Amino acid sequence: MFAAARVFESFLGVNMYVTILVISIFTVTYTALGGLKAVVITENIQVCLLVGGAINGNRSQFDGSPRDSRACWPPAWPPP
């Protein structure tokens, strides 16, 4: 919650403690009204989005050839 509160504080100027309180109340209310099933469904959607983004991000970094020097990250040392 701290990270989200810092984002709201920097972009919208909302006090960090107020943001943490609002997010906490929203989360507890969402869980109480929707039950555990709603939380599990929401977390599954988040996992799908995160894994899909990670796979897409990794695919765009290299062409898949093991001989590709850009396959992971550039070396930390300068080329000879």
Protein backbone atom coordinates (compact mmCIF):
# COMPACT_ATOMS: atom_id res chain seq x y z
CA MET A 1 0.00 0.00 0.00
CA PHE A 2 2.94 2.27 0.59
CA ALA A 3 3.93 2.23 -3.09
CA ALA A 4 0.40 3.04 -4.24
CA ALA A 5 0.16 5.81 -1.66
CA ARG A 6 3.44 7.32 -2.89
CA VAL A 7 2.16 7.27 -6.48
CA PHE A 8 -1.08 9.00 -5.53
CA GLU A 9 0.86 11.52 -3.45
CA SER A 10 3.27 12.39 -6.26
CA PHE A 11 0.70 12.51 -9.09
CA LEU A 12 -2.40 13.83 -7.37
CA GLY A 13 -1.02 15.52 -4.29
CA VAL A 14 -3.14 13.39 -1.94
CA ASN A 15 -1.73 12.86 1.54
CA MET A 16 -0.03 9.46 1.85
CA TYR A 17 -1.79 8.48 5.07
CA VAL A 18 -5.20 9.37 3.67
CA THR A 19 -4.48 7.26 0.59
CA ILE A 20 -3.44 4.27 2.70
CA LEU A 21 -6.62 4.60 4.75
CA VAL A 22 -8.84 4.84 1.66
CA ILE A 23 -7.16 1.88 -0.06
CA SER A 24 -7.45 -0.19 3.12
CA ILE A 25 -11.15 0.59 3.53
CA PHE A 26 -11.80 -0.17 -0.14
CA THR A 27 -9.94 -3.49 0.06
CA VAL A 28 -11.75 -4.63 3.21
CA THR A 29 -15.13 -3.60 1.78
CA TYR A 30 -14.42 -5.30 -1.57
CA THR A 31 -13.44 -8.50 0.22
CA ALA A 32 -16.39 -8.42 2.63
CA LEU A 33 -19.03 -7.71 0.00
CA GLY A 34 -17.67 -9.86 -2.80
CA GLY A 35 -16.34 -12.61 -0.63
CA LEU A 36 -13.21 -14.60 -1.10
CA LYS A 37 -14.32 -15.77 -4.56
CA ALA A 38 -14.15 -12.21 -5.94
CA VAL A 39 -10.67 -11.75 -4.51
CA VAL A 40 -9.45 -15.03 -6.02
CA ILE A 41 -10.86 -14.10 -9.44
CA THR A 42 -9.23 -10.66 -9.27
CA GLU A 43 -5.87 -12.17 -8.32
CA ASN A 44 -6.10 -14.64 -11.21
CA ILE A 45 -6.68 -11.78 -13.63
CA GLN A 46 -3.67 -9.95 -12.18
CA VAL A 47 -1.46 -13.02 -12.54
CA CYS A 48 -2.51 -13.48 -16.17
CA LEU A 49 -1.73 -9.85 -16.94
CA LEU A 50 1.65 -9.94 -15.18
CA VAL A 51 2.76 -13.22 -16.76
CA GLY A 52 1.56 -12.09 -20.18
CA GLY A 53 3.47 -8.83 -19.84
CA ALA A 54 6.61 -10.64 -18.72
CA ILE A 55 6.46 -13.08 -21.63
CA ASN A 56 5.82 -10.28 -24.11
CA GLY A 57 8.64 -8.19 -22.64
CA ASN A 58 11.10 -11.07 -22.86
CA ARG A 59 10.11 -11.95 -26.44
CA SER A 60 10.69 -8.41 -27.62
CA GLN A 61 14.27 -8.32 -26.30
CA PHE A 62 15.81 -10.95 -28.57
CA ASP A 63 15.03 -13.07 -31.61
CA GLY A 64 15.52 -16.38 -29.79
CA SER A 65 18.82 -17.36 -31.34
CA PRO A 66 21.31 -18.63 -28.74
CA ARG A 67 24.08 -16.90 -30.69
CA ASP A 68 22.35 -13.53 -30.45
CA SER A 69 24.53 -11.31 -28.29
CA ARG A 70 21.48 -9.30 -27.23
CA ALA A 71 19.74 -12.42 -25.88
CA CYS A 72 19.72 -11.20 -22.32
CA TRP A 73 21.53 -8.03 -21.33
CA PRO A 74 24.65 -6.45 -22.75
CA PRO A 75 27.86 -7.42 -20.96
CA ALA A 76 29.06 -5.21 -18.14
CA TRP A 77 32.52 -4.89 -19.71
CA PRO A 78 33.38 -3.07 -22.94
CA PRO A 79 34.00 -5.18 -26.05
CA PRO A 80 37.67 -5.80 -26.96
